[in-house]
Structures are given as structure tokens and as C-alpha cells.
Amino acid sequence: MSENLNRTLILLEHLSAAKRAGVTVAQLVEQTGLASSTVYRLVQELEALGYIRKSDDRRLFPKFHFEQGMSFGGVDIGRLSDACQLVCVALVAASEFIAMRRETLFWHVAEGHPNQSIRLRAGVGFVRGMYELDCITRMALAHLPLSEVETSWDIAGFYEVGVSGRKVSWDEAREQILAVDTAEMQFDLMGNAKGVRRFCVAIHGDEGEFVGLMTAAEAATPVRDVDAHVAQVRAVLLEAKAAVESGSKLARQNLTYQA
């Protein structure tokens, strides 16, 4: 794929995802990681062609719908997006679907709640390396043969989640990865260096293969009852996971949560 086409597709995905609340050019630059000159040029071209409406406060609203018509192990991307939206409502938090691409993580879905207490930098099309040993990295690597990681990866490159960024030896990283229960939820209570706390579950396809991660993401602020909060998030994510994997109808009232 040409670099120009790749940039255009990333921008279209982010614009389409902003159909309800709109998005500013500055937000597009931050979310996509593209150069500001590239974003301004593409936005001007799309606006001139009538694909974007600009509000009085200069927020951009797409006059189109764009998404990849793809599936992961028989799980349709639209179904994953619907599940993430329901997780958002249930937890008043953000929710994402993230797939693994070699040694990187790629955000295919990023849904937010208007009342969530933090705005995520990661949006649709965001790409991140897998050497930060947070819950999404641990869960993803738990689905790989560790012999493959030892052969193909820089096993001296792993580092701790959080502000310290402490280097993690391969022996320690391997122990953390082996401790992951791929049928359960992983989380980092203290959050990452950006102040984001993520919870994640693995989504598996028709043949039981790993297809990606569904998350709940919130501000890493203190909670009054940690055990109750973790149990609530776990219940919501595991029910969403079960519904997506089984193909059963997923509705808001199906999710276990407290308003």
C-alpha cells in the first residue's frame, strides 16, 4: 500500500468515527499521528468535495460513513464496534478493539462515552509497539508461542507499565506472560504513564483462535472499593466477550453493571 493511500485511509477512519461529536483538526493530528500539514491538506480536499461539514466552532462532521468491512475469525468488525459501544454505556468509560500486527497493536475500534473522565490519545488507526508490558501486551503475547518471541523479538526491550518505565528482564516478562489466563480479564490498576487504566479480555474466533482484545479504559484515579469496581468491569467485559464469540444478540440490558 502506498504511504499516501495509507494516510488517507487513517484520516477517513478517524473522521467517520467522529460522526456524532465531531472532531477538530488539532484532534485529528493528535489521534492519527499524521503531520499537521498532511491533515490540513486532506481535510481541505474533503471539504471542497463536500464530504465534510464544518460547524461554527470549527468542528468537522463527516457526511459519509467509512469502515473496513472486515471480520476477525468470523467475528464482524461491526459487531465488535456495537459491543464496545455497549461496554461504554455500561461502564461510562471508553472501549476499544485492538488487533495484533506482528510486533505492534492496531486500534480497529475506539468508542468513547461523553461523560468519561479522560480522553484517550489512541483512536481508530492508532498503532503502538508491544514492548510496554501492560495488560494488552501480556494478553496478546500469551497467545503466541514464547519460543517465537524468543527467536524473533528483542527480548531485552520490554519495560514496565507506568511512569517508571523500568526495564523488565526476559525472565520476568516470561513469568508475567505465562501467568495470564487467556479466558479471564487482565488489568493494570495503577494505569500507564498517560494516566489511563485499561482492563482487557481476549476475543477468540470460530476455531478458538486469538483475534484481538476488547478493552475498557478509564482514568487511573483512586476508587473507593477496588474489589467491587474490578468485579463490575470483569462482569461487563466477560459478558460482552461471550456474546460476541457466541454470536448471540447483545443488548444493553444483557450486561451486568451498576448505573
C-alpha atoms as a PDB file:
ATOM      1  CA  MET A   1       0.000   0.000   0.000  1.00  0.00           C
ATOM      2  CA  SER A   2       1.304   3.478  -0.862  1.00  0.00           C
ATOM      3  CA  GLU A   3       2.043   5.833   2.022  1.00  0.00           C
ATOM      4  CA  ASN A   4      -0.364   8.466   0.627  1.00  0.00           C
ATOM      5  CA  LEU A   5      -3.218   5.963   0.480  1.00  0.00           C
ATOM      6  CA  ASN A   6      -2.454   4.715   3.977  1.00  0.00           C
ATOM      7  CA  ARG A   7      -2.577   8.289   5.370  1.00  0.00           C
ATOM      8  CA  THR A   8      -5.892   8.955   3.613  1.00  0.00           C
ATOM      9  CA  LEU A   9      -7.485   5.764   4.942  1.00  0.00           C
ATOM     10  CA  ILE A  10      -6.366   6.515   8.501  1.00  0.00           C
ATOM     11  CA  LEU A  11      -7.874  10.010   8.291  1.00  0.00           C
ATOM     12  CA  LEU A  12     -11.150   8.709   6.822  1.00  0.00           C
ATOM     13  CA  GLU A  13     -11.468   6.182   9.662  1.00  0.00           C
ATOM     14  CA  HIS A  14     -10.973   8.867  12.311  1.00  0.00           C
ATOM     15  CA  LEU A  15     -13.390  11.282  10.649  1.00  0.00           C
ATOM     16  CA  SER A  16     -16.051   8.597  10.293  1.00  0.00           C
ATOM     17  CA  ALA A  17     -15.656   7.636  13.953  1.00  0.00           C
ATOM     18  CA  ALA A  18     -16.407  11.265  14.905  1.00  0.00           C
ATOM     19  CA  LYS A  19     -19.802  11.360  13.235  1.00  0.00           C
ATOM     20  CA  ARG A  20     -21.676  12.082  16.489  1.00  0.00           C
ATOM     21  CA  ALA A  21     -19.479  14.597  18.342  1.00  0.00           C
ATOM     22  CA  GLY A  22     -17.351  15.957  15.523  1.00  0.00           C
ATOM     23  CA  VAL A  23     -13.607  16.477  15.693  1.00  0.00           C
ATOM     24  CA  THR A  24     -11.170  19.364  15.309  1.00  0.00           C
ATOM     25  CA  VAL A  25      -8.141  19.401  13.033  1.00  0.00           C
ATOM     26  CA  ALA A  26      -5.892  19.531  16.106  1.00  0.00           C
ATOM     27  CA  GLN A  27      -7.571  16.403  17.488  1.00  0.00           C
ATOM     28  CA  LEU A  28      -7.127  14.627  14.154  1.00  0.00           C
ATOM     29  CA  VAL A  29      -3.415  15.445  14.195  1.00  0.00           C
ATOM     30  CA  GLU A  30      -3.083  14.069  17.730  1.00  0.00           C
ATOM     31  CA  GLN A  31      -5.210  10.952  17.127  1.00  0.00           C
ATOM     32  CA  THR A  32      -3.748   9.920  13.774  1.00  0.00           C
ATOM     33  CA  GLY A  33      -0.116  10.774  14.384  1.00  0.00           C
ATOM     34  CA  LEU A  34      -0.009  12.326  10.899  1.00  0.00           C
ATOM     35  CA  ALA A  35       1.820  15.551  10.127  1.00  0.00           C
ATOM     36  CA  SER A  36      -0.368  18.629  10.623  1.00  0.00           C
ATOM     37  CA  SER A  37       0.304  19.731   7.024  1.00  0.00           C
ATOM     38  CA  THR A  38      -0.994  16.367   5.763  1.00  0.00           C
ATOM     39  CA  VAL A  39      -4.146  16.553   7.876  1.00  0.00           C
ATOM     40  CA  TYR A  40      -4.888  20.143   6.841  1.00  0.00           C
ATOM     41  CA  ARG A  41      -4.419  19.299   3.156  1.00  0.00           C
ATOM     42  CA  LEU A  42      -6.643  16.211   3.245  1.00  0.00           C
ATOM     43  CA  VAL A  43      -9.333  17.983   5.272  1.00  0.00           C
ATOM     44  CA  GLN A  44      -9.390  20.890   2.806  1.00  0.00           C
ATOM     45  CA  GLU A  45      -9.715  18.497  -0.136  1.00  0.00           C
ATOM     46  CA  LEU A  46     -12.535  16.515   1.534  1.00  0.00           C
ATOM     47  CA  GLU A  47     -14.353  19.712   2.486  1.00  0.00           C
ATOM     48  CA  ALA A  48     -14.060  21.055  -1.081  1.00  0.00           C
ATOM     49  CA  LEU A  49     -15.559  17.786  -2.365  1.00  0.00           C
ATOM     50  CA  GLY A  50     -18.469  18.053   0.072  1.00  0.00           C
ATOM     51  CA  TYR A  51     -17.521  15.106   2.305  1.00  0.00           C
ATOM     52  CA  ILE A  52     -17.062  17.236   5.453  1.00  0.00           C
ATOM     53  CA  ARG A  53     -19.293  19.800   7.152  1.00  0.00           C
ATOM     54  CA  LYS A  54     -17.584  22.403   9.356  1.00  0.00           C
ATOM     55  CA  SER A  55     -19.607  23.782  12.269  1.00  0.00           C
ATOM     56  CA  ASP A  56     -19.410  27.342  13.603  1.00  0.00           C
ATOM     57  CA  ASP A  57     -16.950  26.202  16.299  1.00  0.00           C
ATOM     58  CA  ARG A  58     -14.753  24.691  13.536  1.00  0.00           C
ATOM     59  CA  ARG A  59     -15.528  21.086  14.460  1.00  0.00           C
ATOM     60  CA  LEU A  60     -15.595  18.733  11.495  1.00  0.00           C
ATOM     61  CA  PHE A  61     -18.524  16.391  10.877  1.00  0.00           C
ATOM     62  CA  PRO A  62     -18.270  13.697   8.174  1.00  0.00           C
ATOM     63  CA  LYS A  63     -21.034  13.485   5.588  1.00  0.00           C
ATOM     64  CA  PHE A  64     -20.074   9.893   4.880  1.00  0.00           C
ATOM     65  CA  HIS A  65     -19.693   6.572   6.672  1.00  0.00           C
ATOM     66  CA  PHE A  66     -16.437   4.684   6.304  1.00  0.00           C
ATOM     67  CA  GLU A  67     -15.297   1.458   7.924  1.00  0.00           C
ATOM     68  CA  GLN A  68     -13.376  -1.641   6.974  1.00  0.00           C
ATOM     69  CA  GLY A  69     -15.787  -4.417   6.057  1.00  0.00           C
ATOM     70  CA  MET A  70     -13.604  -6.990   7.685  1.00  0.00           C
ATOM     71  CA  SER A  71     -14.036  -9.848  10.077  1.00  0.00           C
ATOM     72  CA  PHE A  72     -11.699 -11.442  12.560  1.00  0.00           C
ATOM     73  CA  GLY A  73     -12.022 -15.207  12.897  1.00  0.00           C
ATOM     74  CA  GLY A  74     -15.622 -14.951  11.751  1.00  0.00           C
ATOM     75  CA  VAL A  75     -16.357 -12.015  14.083  1.00  0.00           C
ATOM     76  CA  ASP A  76     -17.567  -8.989  12.092  1.00  0.00           C
ATOM     77  CA  ILE A  77     -15.985  -5.620  12.862  1.00  0.00           C
ATOM     78  CA  GLY A  78     -19.435  -4.051  13.106  1.00  0.00           C
ATOM     79  CA  ARG A  79     -20.386  -6.498  15.835  1.00  0.00           C
ATOM     80  CA  LEU A  80     -17.220  -5.666  17.746  1.00  0.00           C
ATOM     81  CA  SER A  81     -17.980  -1.953  17.418  1.00  0.00           C
ATOM     82  CA  ASP A  82     -21.521  -2.486  18.743  1.00  0.00           C
ATOM     83  CA  ALA A  83     -20.155  -4.454  21.699  1.00  0.00           C
ATOM     84  CA  CYS A  84     -17.653  -1.698  22.518  1.00  0.00           C
ATOM     85  CA  GLN A  85     -20.423   0.917  22.432  1.00  0.00           C
ATOM     86  CA  LEU A  86     -22.444  -1.101  24.931  1.00  0.00           C
ATOM     87  CA  VAL A  87     -19.416  -1.539  27.205  1.00  0.00           C
ATOM     88  CA  CYS A  88     -19.028   2.264  27.122  1.00  0.00           C
ATOM     89  CA  VAL A  89     -22.618   2.780  28.232  1.00  0.00           C
ATOM     90  CA  ALA A  90     -22.412   0.137  30.949  1.00  0.00           C
ATOM     91  CA  LEU A  91     -19.195   1.457  32.498  1.00  0.00           C
ATOM     92  CA  VAL A  92     -19.205   5.154  31.484  1.00  0.00           C
ATOM     93  CA  ALA A  93     -15.745   4.545  30.080  1.00  0.00           C
ATOM     94  CA  ALA A  94     -14.001   4.126  26.745  1.00  0.00           C
ATOM     95  CA  SER A  95     -13.849   0.763  24.999  1.00  0.00           C
ATOM     96  CA  GLU A  96     -11.585  -0.462  22.205  1.00  0.00           C
ATOM     97  CA  PHE A  97     -10.972  -3.419  19.934  1.00  0.00           C
ATOM     98  CA  ILE A  98      -7.265  -3.907  19.282  1.00  0.00           C
ATOM     99  CA  ALA A  99      -5.661  -6.473  16.973  1.00  0.00           C
ATOM    100  CA  MET A 100      -2.054  -7.654  16.854  1.00  0.00           C
ATOM    101  CA  ARG A 101       0.078  -7.000  13.780  1.00  0.00           C
ATOM    102  CA  ARG A 102       3.464  -8.663  14.170  1.00  0.00           C
ATOM    103  CA  GLU A 103       5.157  -6.684  16.958  1.00  0.00           C
ATOM    104  CA  THR A 104       2.556  -3.910  17.067  1.00  0.00           C
ATOM    105  CA  LEU A 105      -1.007  -3.366  18.277  1.00  0.00           C
ATOM    106  CA  PHE A 106      -3.529  -1.748  15.908  1.00  0.00           C
ATOM    107  CA  TRP A 107      -6.711   0.010  17.085  1.00  0.00           C
ATOM    108  CA  HIS A 108      -9.687  -1.015  14.890  1.00  0.00           C
ATOM    109  CA  VAL A 109     -12.432   0.312  17.197  1.00  0.00           C
ATOM    110  CA  ALA A 110     -12.263   3.152  19.733  1.00  0.00           C
ATOM    111  CA  GLU A 111     -15.565   4.145  21.324  1.00  0.00           C
ATOM    112  CA  GLY A 112     -15.900   6.828  23.970  1.00  0.00           C
ATOM    113  CA  HIS A 113     -18.582   7.891  26.438  1.00  0.00           C
ATOM    114  CA  PRO A 114     -19.427  11.627  26.638  1.00  0.00           C
ATOM    115  CA  ASN A 115     -19.198  11.532  30.441  1.00  0.00           C
ATOM    116  CA  GLN A 116     -15.950   9.588  30.776  1.00  0.00           C
ATOM    117  CA  SER A 117     -13.327  11.334  32.869  1.00  0.00           C
ATOM    118  CA  ILE A 118     -10.416  11.057  30.418  1.00  0.00           C
ATOM    119  CA  ARG A 119      -9.904  11.390  26.677  1.00  0.00           C
ATOM    120  CA  LEU A 120      -7.706   8.763  25.074  1.00  0.00           C
ATOM    121  CA  ARG A 121      -4.933   9.572  22.636  1.00  0.00           C
ATOM    122  CA  ALA A 122      -5.439   6.197  20.950  1.00  0.00           C
ATOM    123  CA  GLY A 123      -8.159   6.205  18.299  1.00  0.00           C
ATOM    124  CA  VAL A 124      -9.032   4.166  15.217  1.00  0.00           C
ATOM    125  CA  GLY A 125      -5.848   3.597  13.235  1.00  0.00           C
ATOM    126  CA  PHE A 126      -3.551   4.155  16.227  1.00  0.00           C
ATOM    127  CA  VAL A 127      -0.508   1.863  16.238  1.00  0.00           C
ATOM    128  CA  ARG A 128       1.628   1.030  19.263  1.00  0.00           C
ATOM    129  CA  GLY A 129       4.547  -1.255  19.922  1.00  0.00           C
ATOM    130  CA  MET A 130       4.247  -4.258  22.233  1.00  0.00           C
ATOM    131  CA  TYR A 131       7.253  -3.813  24.479  1.00  0.00           C
ATOM    132  CA  GLU A 132       5.393  -1.960  27.226  1.00  0.00           C
ATOM    133  CA  LEU A 133       4.327  -4.898  29.368  1.00  0.00           C
ATOM    134  CA  ASP A 134       0.815  -3.706  30.150  1.00  0.00           C
ATOM    135  CA  CYS A 135      -2.336  -5.841  30.222  1.00  0.00           C
ATOM    136  CA  ILE A 136      -2.966  -5.680  26.469  1.00  0.00           C
ATOM    137  CA  THR A 137       0.610  -6.707  25.661  1.00  0.00           C
ATOM    138  CA  ARG A 138       0.548  -9.505  28.252  1.00  0.00           C
ATOM    139  CA  MET A 139      -2.756 -10.866  26.935  1.00  0.00           C
ATOM    140  CA  ALA A 140      -1.647 -10.692  23.301  1.00  0.00           C
ATOM    141  CA  LEU A 141       1.713 -12.368  23.975  1.00  0.00           C
ATOM    142  CA  ALA A 142       0.006 -15.090  25.997  1.00  0.00           C
ATOM    143  CA  HIS A 143      -1.448 -16.283  22.688  1.00  0.00           C
ATOM    144  CA  LEU A 144       1.951 -16.594  20.979  1.00  0.00           C
ATOM    145  CA  PRO A 145       4.445 -19.436  21.315  1.00  0.00           C
ATOM    146  CA  LEU A 146       7.102 -17.957  23.588  1.00  0.00           C
ATOM    147  CA  SER A 147       9.760 -19.720  21.513  1.00  0.00           C
ATOM    148  CA  GLU A 148       8.676 -17.461  18.617  1.00  0.00           C
ATOM    149  CA  VAL A 149       9.055 -14.378  20.821  1.00  0.00           C
ATOM    150  CA  GLU A 150      12.493 -15.504  21.965  1.00  0.00           C
ATOM    151  CA  THR A 151      13.589 -16.099  18.375  1.00  0.00           C
ATOM    152  CA  SER A 152      12.110 -13.070  16.614  1.00  0.00           C
ATOM    153  CA  TRP A 153      11.679 -10.304  19.197  1.00  0.00           C
ATOM    154  CA  ASP A 154      14.070  -8.055  21.072  1.00  0.00           C
ATOM    155  CA  ILE A 155      13.588  -9.788  24.411  1.00  0.00           C
ATOM    156  CA  ALA A 156      15.720  -7.145  26.144  1.00  0.00           C
ATOM    157  CA  GLY A 157      13.281  -4.430  25.050  1.00  0.00           C
ATOM    158  CA  PHE A 158      10.386  -4.996  27.461  1.00  0.00           C
ATOM    159  CA  TYR A 159       9.619  -2.361  30.074  1.00  0.00           C
ATOM    160  CA  GLU A 160       7.208  -1.879  32.956  1.00  0.00           C
ATOM    161  CA  VAL A 161       3.833  -0.199  32.578  1.00  0.00           C
ATOM    162  CA  GLY A 162       3.512   3.147  34.382  1.00  0.00           C
ATOM    163  CA  VAL A 163       5.605   6.234  34.892  1.00  0.00           C
ATOM    164  CA  SER A 164       8.808   4.420  35.886  1.00  0.00           C
ATOM    165  CA  GLY A 165       9.272   2.642  32.557  1.00  0.00           C
ATOM    166  CA  ARG A 166      11.631   0.234  34.301  1.00  0.00           C
ATOM    167  CA  LYS A 167      13.315  -2.291  32.045  1.00  0.00           C
ATOM    168  CA  VAL A 168      11.936  -5.797  32.523  1.00  0.00           C
ATOM    169  CA  SER A 169      14.221  -8.789  32.001  1.00  0.00           C
ATOM    170  CA  TRP A 170      13.012 -11.534  29.697  1.00  0.00           C
ATOM    171  CA  ASP A 171      12.805 -13.978  32.630  1.00  0.00           C
ATOM    172  CA  GLU A 172      10.464 -11.613  34.465  1.00  0.00           C
ATOM    173  CA  ALA A 173       8.464 -10.809  31.316  1.00  0.00           C
ATOM    174  CA  ARG A 174       8.133 -14.504  30.501  1.00  0.00           C
ATOM    175  CA  GLU A 175       6.848 -15.222  34.006  1.00  0.00           C
ATOM    176  CA  GLN A 176       4.203 -12.493  33.722  1.00  0.00           C
ATOM    177  CA  ILE A 177       3.068 -13.738  30.303  1.00  0.00           C
ATOM    178  CA  LEU A 178       2.839 -17.363  31.449  1.00  0.00           C
ATOM    179  CA  ALA A 179       0.687 -16.265  34.396  1.00  0.00           C
ATOM    180  CA  VAL A 180      -2.028 -14.894  32.081  1.00  0.00           C
ATOM    181  CA  ASP A 181      -5.330 -16.794  31.963  1.00  0.00           C
ATOM    182  CA  THR A 182      -6.483 -16.113  28.388  1.00  0.00           C
ATOM    183  CA  ALA A 183     -10.113 -16.833  29.293  1.00  0.00           C
ATOM    184  CA  GLU A 184     -10.084 -14.202  32.045  1.00  0.00           C
ATOM    185  CA  MET A 185      -9.614 -10.435  32.337  1.00  0.00           C
ATOM    186  CA  GLN A 186      -6.251  -8.691  32.652  1.00  0.00           C
ATOM    187  CA  PHE A 187      -5.856  -5.176  34.053  1.00  0.00           C
ATOM    188  CA  ASP A 188      -3.352  -2.616  35.365  1.00  0.00           C
ATOM    189  CA  LEU A 189      -4.833  -0.965  38.423  1.00  0.00           C
ATOM    190  CA  MET A 190      -2.222   1.820  38.631  1.00  0.00           C
ATOM    191  CA  GLY A 191      -2.582   2.726  34.953  1.00  0.00           C
ATOM    192  CA  ASN A 192       0.031   3.778  32.423  1.00  0.00           C
ATOM    193  CA  ALA A 193       2.237   6.849  32.126  1.00  0.00           C
ATOM    194  CA  LYS A 194      -0.639   8.743  30.470  1.00  0.00           C
ATOM    195  CA  GLY A 195      -2.919   8.147  33.476  1.00  0.00           C
ATOM    196  CA  VAL A 196      -5.065   5.555  31.674  1.00  0.00           C
ATOM    197  CA  ARG A 197      -6.150   2.338  33.363  1.00  0.00           C
ATOM    198  CA  ARG A 198      -7.118  -0.479  30.996  1.00  0.00           C
ATOM    199  CA  PHE A 199      -8.951  -3.744  31.529  1.00  0.00           C
ATOM    200  CA  CYS A 200      -8.954  -6.265  28.683  1.00  0.00           C
ATOM    201  CA  VAL A 201     -10.314  -9.620  27.577  1.00  0.00           C
ATOM    202  CA  ALA A 202      -9.259 -11.701  24.586  1.00  0.00           C
ATOM    203  CA  ILE A 203     -11.708 -12.276  21.750  1.00  0.00           C
ATOM    204  CA  HIS A 204     -11.463 -15.663  20.072  1.00  0.00           C
ATOM    205  CA  GLY A 205     -12.758 -16.687  16.650  1.00  0.00           C
ATOM    206  CA  ASP A 206     -14.826 -19.591  15.370  1.00  0.00           C
ATOM    207  CA  GLU A 207     -11.939 -22.024  15.710  1.00  0.00           C
ATOM    208  CA  GLY A 208     -10.802 -20.704  19.086  1.00  0.00           C
ATOM    209  CA  GLU A 209      -8.020 -18.626  17.556  1.00  0.00           C
ATOM    210  CA  PHE A 210      -6.993 -15.278  19.044  1.00  0.00           C
ATOM    211  CA  VAL A 211      -8.379 -12.380  17.019  1.00  0.00           C
ATOM    212  CA  GLY A 212      -7.856  -9.390  19.291  1.00  0.00           C
ATOM    213  CA  LEU A 213      -8.533  -7.580  22.543  1.00  0.00           C
ATOM    214  CA  MET A 214     -11.626  -5.835  23.847  1.00  0.00           C
ATOM    215  CA  THR A 215     -10.918  -3.213  26.478  1.00  0.00           C
ATOM    216  CA  ALA A 216     -12.471  -0.871  28.961  1.00  0.00           C
ATOM    217  CA  ALA A 217     -10.326   2.228  29.536  1.00  0.00           C
ATOM    218  CA  GLU A 218     -10.737   4.833  32.263  1.00  0.00           C
ATOM    219  CA  ALA A 219      -8.775   7.421  34.228  1.00  0.00           C
ATOM    220  CA  ALA A 220      -6.391   5.781  36.706  1.00  0.00           C
ATOM    221  CA  THR A 221      -7.908   7.591  39.665  1.00  0.00           C
ATOM    222  CA  PRO A 222      -8.470   6.036  43.101  1.00  0.00           C
ATOM    223  CA  VAL A 223     -11.666   4.029  43.535  1.00  0.00           C
ATOM    224  CA  ARG A 224     -13.451   3.602  46.858  1.00  0.00           C
ATOM    225  CA  ASP A 225     -13.974  -0.155  46.630  1.00  0.00           C
ATOM    226  CA  VAL A 226     -11.342  -1.698  44.358  1.00  0.00           C
ATOM    227  CA  ASP A 227     -12.683  -5.261  44.527  1.00  0.00           C
ATOM    228  CA  ALA A 228     -16.232  -4.185  43.673  1.00  0.00           C
ATOM    229  CA  HIS A 229     -15.044  -1.983  40.803  1.00  0.00           C
ATOM    230  CA  VAL A 230     -12.867  -4.706  39.284  1.00  0.00           C
ATOM    231  CA  ALA A 231     -15.725  -7.222  39.640  1.00  0.00           C
ATOM    232  CA  GLN A 232     -18.115  -4.848  37.854  1.00  0.00           C
ATOM    233  CA  VAL A 233     -15.755  -4.277  34.909  1.00  0.00           C
ATOM    234  CA  ARG A 234     -14.971  -8.001  34.725  1.00  0.00           C
ATOM    235  CA  ALA A 235     -18.665  -8.910  34.560  1.00  0.00           C
ATOM    236  CA  VAL A 236     -19.345  -6.413  31.757  1.00  0.00           C
ATOM    237  CA  LEU A 237     -16.320  -7.386  29.655  1.00  0.00           C
ATOM    238  CA  LEU A 238     -16.791 -11.140  30.050  1.00  0.00           C
ATOM    239  CA  GLU A 239     -20.473 -10.922  29.128  1.00  0.00           C
ATOM    240  CA  ALA A 240     -19.635  -8.796  26.078  1.00  0.00           C
ATOM    241  CA  LYS A 241     -16.896 -11.281  25.136  1.00  0.00           C
ATOM    242  CA  ALA A 242     -19.259 -14.258  25.470  1.00  0.00           C
ATOM    243  CA  ALA A 243     -21.948 -12.585  23.366  1.00  0.00           C
ATOM    244  CA  VAL A 244     -19.518 -11.574  20.601  1.00  0.00           C
ATOM    245  CA  GLU A 245     -17.918 -15.020  20.429  1.00  0.00           C
ATOM    246  CA  SER A 246     -21.224 -16.920  20.500  1.00  0.00           C
ATOM    247  CA  GLY A 247     -22.962 -14.665  18.014  1.00  0.00           C
ATOM    248  CA  SER A 248     -25.885 -14.160  20.388  1.00  0.00           C
ATOM    249  CA  LYS A 249     -27.812 -10.900  20.477  1.00  0.00           C
ATOM    250  CA  LEU A 250     -26.062  -8.289  22.579  1.00  0.00           C
ATOM    251  CA  ALA A 251     -28.202  -5.625  24.200  1.00  0.00           C
ATOM    252  CA  ARG A 252     -27.577  -3.099  26.923  1.00  0.00           C
ATOM    253  CA  GLN A 253     -29.780  -4.911  29.434  1.00  0.00           C
ATOM    254  CA  ASN A 254     -27.737  -8.091  28.946  1.00  0.00           C
ATOM    255  CA  LEU A 255     -24.665  -6.507  30.523  1.00  0.00           C
ATOM    256  CA  THR A 256     -24.136  -6.689  34.277  1.00  0.00           C
ATOM    257  CA  TYR A 257     -23.449  -3.200  35.564  1.00  0.00           C
ATOM    258  CA  GLN A 258     -24.480  -0.590  38.088  1.00  0.00           C
ATOM    259  CA  ALA A 259     -25.761   2.749  36.808  1.00  0.00           C
END
